[in-house]
C-alpha cells in the first residue's frame, strides 16, 4: 500500500529539528506540545521507524530520522513552491515577522495594517525582541523576516544611519557622565561606551534596562544620557 506523508507532520518534524526541542517548535508550527508529540508519533507510525531518541534532556535524530529529514526538507520546499506558483499571489499565512522594539514602536502598526488590507486571509505572528534573538529565530526558520540592527558594513544591511546622543546636555558636562543603557547585547550601549572611552570621558551606568520605553523615561527624567 502507498503511504502518504501529510505535509503538516513533516513540517512539525522539521520544526523540532530546527528549533532544538518540542517546546521551542510549538511557536513555529502553532500547536501545543502535546499535539506536536502526537504528530510525531503518527509520523513514526506511518514510516514504521523511530525518528527521535533521547540523550539526557535532548532529542536526537535516529539514523532513520536523519534520512527522513533530508527528504522532508525537499518535499516541503517543493510543496511551498507549488502553492506560491498556483495561489494567484494570495497569502494565507502564517506570516512570521520579528523586529526590535525601536521599529515595533514606530512602523509595526502601520505595516500590519497595510499588510492586512492587501492579504485579508493571512495569519500574522509578530515577535518583538532583540536582534540576537530574532536572528536565532530566523536561522531556526521560526521567522520569515526579521528587522534589527547590525554593523554599518554588514553585507545584509539595507540602510545605514548615524548615531546621536539623547538627553539633557547638562548631564554631559558632569565630571562623571551618567549613562542610561539597554541590557547586553546592545550595539548602542557598546557604541556609547566606546565613544566615551575613546574621548577619555569618565562615565557611570545610572540606568540599565531591557525595555526601550523605560530607557526613554529615564532619559526624560534626566537620570542619564543615551
Protein backbone atom coordinates (compact mmCIF):
# COMPACT_ATOMS: atom_id res chain seq x y z
CA UNK A 1 0.00 0.00 0.00
CA UNK A 2 1.12 3.55 -0.77
CA UNK A 3 1.91 5.58 2.34
CA UNK A 4 1.06 9.28 2.18
CA UNK A 5 3.04 11.56 4.48
CA UNK A 6 0.96 14.65 5.38
CA UNK A 7 2.90 17.87 4.98
CA UNK A 8 1.79 19.16 8.39
CA UNK A 9 3.50 16.16 10.03
CA UNK A 10 6.66 16.70 8.00
CA UNK A 11 6.62 20.42 8.83
CA UNK A 12 6.32 19.68 12.54
CA UNK A 13 9.14 17.14 12.28
CA UNK A 14 11.47 19.66 10.60
CA UNK A 15 10.43 22.37 13.07
CA UNK A 16 11.52 20.23 16.03
CA UNK A 17 14.90 19.61 14.44
CA UNK A 18 15.44 23.30 13.63
CA UNK A 19 14.17 24.59 16.97
CA UNK A 20 16.08 22.03 19.01
CA UNK A 21 13.13 20.92 21.15
CA UNK A 22 9.41 20.30 21.00
CA UNK A 23 8.72 23.25 23.30
CA UNK A 24 10.56 25.69 21.05
CA UNK A 25 8.97 24.19 17.94
CA UNK A 26 5.44 24.93 19.20
CA UNK A 27 5.99 28.64 18.44
CA UNK A 28 6.89 27.76 14.86
CA UNK A 29 4.04 25.40 13.95
CA UNK A 30 1.39 26.93 16.23
CA UNK A 31 0.26 23.75 18.01
CA UNK A 32 0.55 22.68 21.64
CA UNK A 33 3.42 20.50 22.81
CA UNK A 34 1.08 17.55 23.38
CA UNK A 35 -0.37 17.91 19.87
CA UNK A 36 3.13 18.10 18.44
CA UNK A 37 4.08 14.91 20.27
CA UNK A 38 1.05 13.16 18.80
CA UNK A 39 2.00 14.33 15.31
CA UNK A 40 5.49 12.86 15.61
CA UNK A 41 4.06 9.60 16.94
CA UNK A 42 1.73 9.46 13.92
CA UNK A 43 4.63 10.15 11.54
CA UNK A 44 6.67 7.38 13.14
CA UNK A 45 3.74 5.00 12.68
CA UNK A 46 3.46 5.92 9.01
CA UNK A 47 7.14 5.29 8.26
CA UNK A 48 7.36 2.43 10.79
CA UNK A 49 10.54 3.92 12.24
CA UNK A 50 11.61 5.72 15.39
CA UNK A 51 12.69 9.22 14.39
CA UNK A 52 13.99 10.65 17.68
CA UNK A 53 15.80 9.29 20.68
CA UNK A 54 16.58 10.99 23.97
CA UNK A 55 20.09 11.74 25.16
CA UNK A 56 19.58 13.27 28.58
CA UNK A 57 17.16 16.13 28.02
CA UNK A 58 17.99 16.44 24.31
CA UNK A 59 16.06 14.99 21.40
CA UNK A 60 18.46 13.46 18.88
CA UNK A 61 17.62 12.12 15.44
CA UNK A 62 17.96 8.41 14.81
CA UNK A 63 19.56 7.26 11.53
CA UNK A 64 16.05 6.92 10.10
CA UNK A 65 15.25 10.43 11.30
CA UNK A 66 18.38 11.82 9.62
CA UNK A 67 17.37 10.19 6.35
CA UNK A 68 13.78 11.41 6.54
CA UNK A 69 14.91 14.94 7.36
CA UNK A 70 16.67 15.26 4.00
CA UNK A 71 13.57 14.17 2.10
CA UNK A 72 11.23 16.22 4.32
CA UNK A 73 13.06 19.46 3.55
CA UNK A 74 12.96 18.75 -0.18
CA UNK A 75 9.28 17.81 -0.11
CA UNK A 76 8.30 20.91 1.87
CA UNK A 77 10.33 23.19 -0.39
CA UNK A 78 8.58 21.75 -3.45
CA UNK A 79 5.19 21.91 -1.74
CA UNK A 80 5.59 25.57 -0.77
CA UNK A 81 6.92 26.44 -4.22
CA UNK A 82 3.89 24.81 -5.82
CA UNK A 83 1.46 26.65 -3.54
CA UNK A 84 3.06 30.00 -4.33
CA UNK A 85 3.05 29.25 -8.05
CA UNK A 86 -0.68 28.50 -8.28
CA UNK A 87 -2.17 30.59 -5.47
CA UNK A 88 -2.53 33.81 -7.52
CA UNK A 89 -0.22 35.62 -5.12
CA UNK A 90 -2.62 35.41 -2.20
CA UNK A 91 -1.15 34.80 1.26
CA UNK A 92 -3.00 32.57 3.70
CA UNK A 93 -0.29 32.54 6.32
CA UNK A 94 1.03 32.25 8.81
CA UNK A 95 3.43 35.10 8.11
CA UNK A 96 6.03 35.39 10.85
CA UNK A 97 7.76 38.73 11.30
CA UNK A 98 10.13 39.88 14.02
CA UNK A 99 11.57 43.29 14.78
CA UNK A 100 13.36 45.16 17.53
CA UNK A 101 11.27 47.39 19.76
CA UNK A 102 12.63 50.56 18.12
CA UNK A 103 10.87 49.64 14.87
CA UNK A 104 7.89 47.98 16.54
CA UNK A 105 7.05 51.27 18.27
CA UNK A 106 7.22 53.26 15.04
CA UNK A 107 6.30 51.15 12.00
CA UNK A 108 4.71 47.87 13.15
CA UNK A 109 1.11 49.11 13.44
CA UNK A 110 1.18 50.76 10.01
CA UNK A 111 2.93 47.82 8.35
CA UNK A 112 0.47 45.30 9.78
CA UNK A 113 -2.46 47.48 8.74
CA UNK A 114 -1.29 47.75 5.15
CA UNK A 115 -0.48 44.04 5.02
CA UNK A 116 -3.95 43.13 6.33
CA UNK A 117 -5.57 45.29 3.64
CA UNK A 118 -3.61 43.54 0.90
CA UNK A 119 -3.81 39.99 2.32
CA UNK A 120 -7.01 39.79 4.43
CA UNK A 121 -6.79 35.98 4.75
CA UNK A 122 -3.28 35.91 6.16
CA UNK A 123 -2.44 35.00 9.74
CA UNK A 124 0.36 37.08 11.22
CA UNK A 125 2.75 36.12 14.01
CA UNK A 126 4.72 39.13 15.29
CA UNK A 127 7.69 38.88 17.65
CA UNK A 128 9.35 41.87 19.30
CA UNK A 129 12.80 41.06 20.70
CA UNK A 130 16.47 41.90 20.50
CA UNK A 131 18.38 41.43 17.26
CA UNK A 132 20.34 38.41 18.54
CA UNK A 133 17.16 36.54 19.48
CA UNK A 134 15.49 37.45 16.19
CA UNK A 135 18.45 36.18 14.16
CA UNK A 136 18.39 32.91 16.09
CA UNK A 137 14.68 32.51 15.34
CA UNK A 138 15.34 33.35 11.68
CA UNK A 139 18.06 30.69 11.46
CA UNK A 140 15.68 28.16 13.03
CA UNK A 141 13.00 29.13 10.48
CA UNK A 142 10.72 30.42 13.23
CA UNK A 143 10.53 33.77 11.41
CA UNK A 144 10.15 34.66 7.75
CA UNK A 145 11.69 38.11 8.11
CA UNK A 146 13.50 39.98 10.87
CA UNK A 147 14.31 43.68 11.19
CA UNK A 148 17.05 44.60 13.62
CA UNK A 149 20.42 46.30 13.96
CA UNK A 150 23.79 45.22 12.57
CA UNK A 151 27.15 46.76 11.84
CA UNK A 152 27.12 49.54 9.23
CA UNK A 153 29.31 47.47 6.89
CA UNK A 154 27.25 44.28 7.25
CA UNK A 155 26.50 42.70 3.83
CA UNK A 156 22.82 42.29 4.73
CA UNK A 157 22.39 45.93 5.82
CA UNK A 158 19.55 47.64 3.94
CA UNK A 159 20.02 51.12 5.36
CA UNK A 160 22.60 52.97 7.42
CA UNK A 161 22.01 55.89 9.77
CA UNK A 162 24.26 57.91 12.08
CA UNK A 163 24.07 57.55 15.86
CA UNK A 164 23.50 60.58 18.07
CA UNK A 165 23.25 61.39 21.77
CA UNK A 166 19.93 61.98 23.51
CA UNK A 167 19.26 63.59 26.88
CA UNK A 168 19.91 66.69 28.95
CA UNK A 169 23.07 68.41 27.65
CA UNK A 170 23.97 69.50 31.20
CA UNK A 171 24.47 65.84 32.19
CA UNK A 172 27.23 65.53 29.60
CA UNK A 173 29.16 68.28 31.41
CA UNK A 174 29.37 66.41 34.72
CA UNK A 175 32.71 65.05 35.90
CA UNK A 176 31.28 61.53 35.63
CA UNK A 177 28.68 61.29 32.87
CA UNK A 178 25.58 59.23 33.80
CA UNK A 179 24.52 56.77 31.12
CA UNK A 180 21.14 55.18 30.50
CA UNK A 181 21.62 51.93 28.57
CA UNK A 182 19.83 48.80 27.46
CA UNK A 183 20.97 45.43 28.75
CA UNK A 184 23.59 43.50 26.78
CA UNK A 185 23.81 42.73 23.93
CA UNK A 186 23.15 46.20 22.51
CA UNK A 187 25.05 47.99 19.74
CA UNK A 188 24.02 51.42 21.02
CA UNK A 189 25.29 50.63 24.52
CA UNK A 190 28.62 49.42 23.08
CA UNK A 191 28.93 52.47 20.83
CA UNK A 192 28.22 54.93 23.66
CA UNK A 193 30.77 53.37 25.99
CA UNK A 194 33.38 53.10 23.23
CA UNK A 195 32.91 56.77 22.28
CA UNK A 196 33.30 57.97 25.87
CA UNK A 197 36.34 55.79 26.50
CA UNK A 198 37.97 56.95 23.26
CA UNK A 199 37.44 60.57 24.35
CA UNK A 200 38.77 59.89 27.86
CA UNK A 201 35.44 60.81 29.47
CA UNK A 202 34.58 59.19 32.78
CA UNK A 203 31.10 57.65 32.98
CA UNK A 204 28.85 55.54 35.14
CA UNK A 205 25.82 53.46 34.20
CA UNK A 206 22.97 55.06 36.10
CA UNK A 207 20.12 53.14 34.46
CA UNK A 208 20.20 49.70 32.85
CA UNK A 209 17.01 48.18 31.48
CA UNK A 210 15.84 45.60 28.91
CA UNK A 211 12.93 47.86 27.95
CA UNK A 212 13.10 50.71 25.45
CA UNK A 213 10.16 52.60 26.98
CA UNK A 214 11.91 52.53 30.36
CA UNK A 215 15.08 53.83 28.72
CA UNK A 216 13.15 56.73 27.20
CA UNK A 217 11.56 57.50 30.58
CA UNK A 218 14.99 57.53 32.25
CA UNK A 219 16.34 59.98 29.68
CA UNK A 220 13.30 62.23 30.00
CA UNK A 221 13.69 62.15 33.81
CA UNK A 222 17.30 63.34 33.43
CA UNK A 223 18.70 60.18 35.01
CA UNK A 224 21.21 59.73 32.22
CA UNK A 225 22.01 60.31 28.57
CA UNK A 226 21.77 57.65 25.86
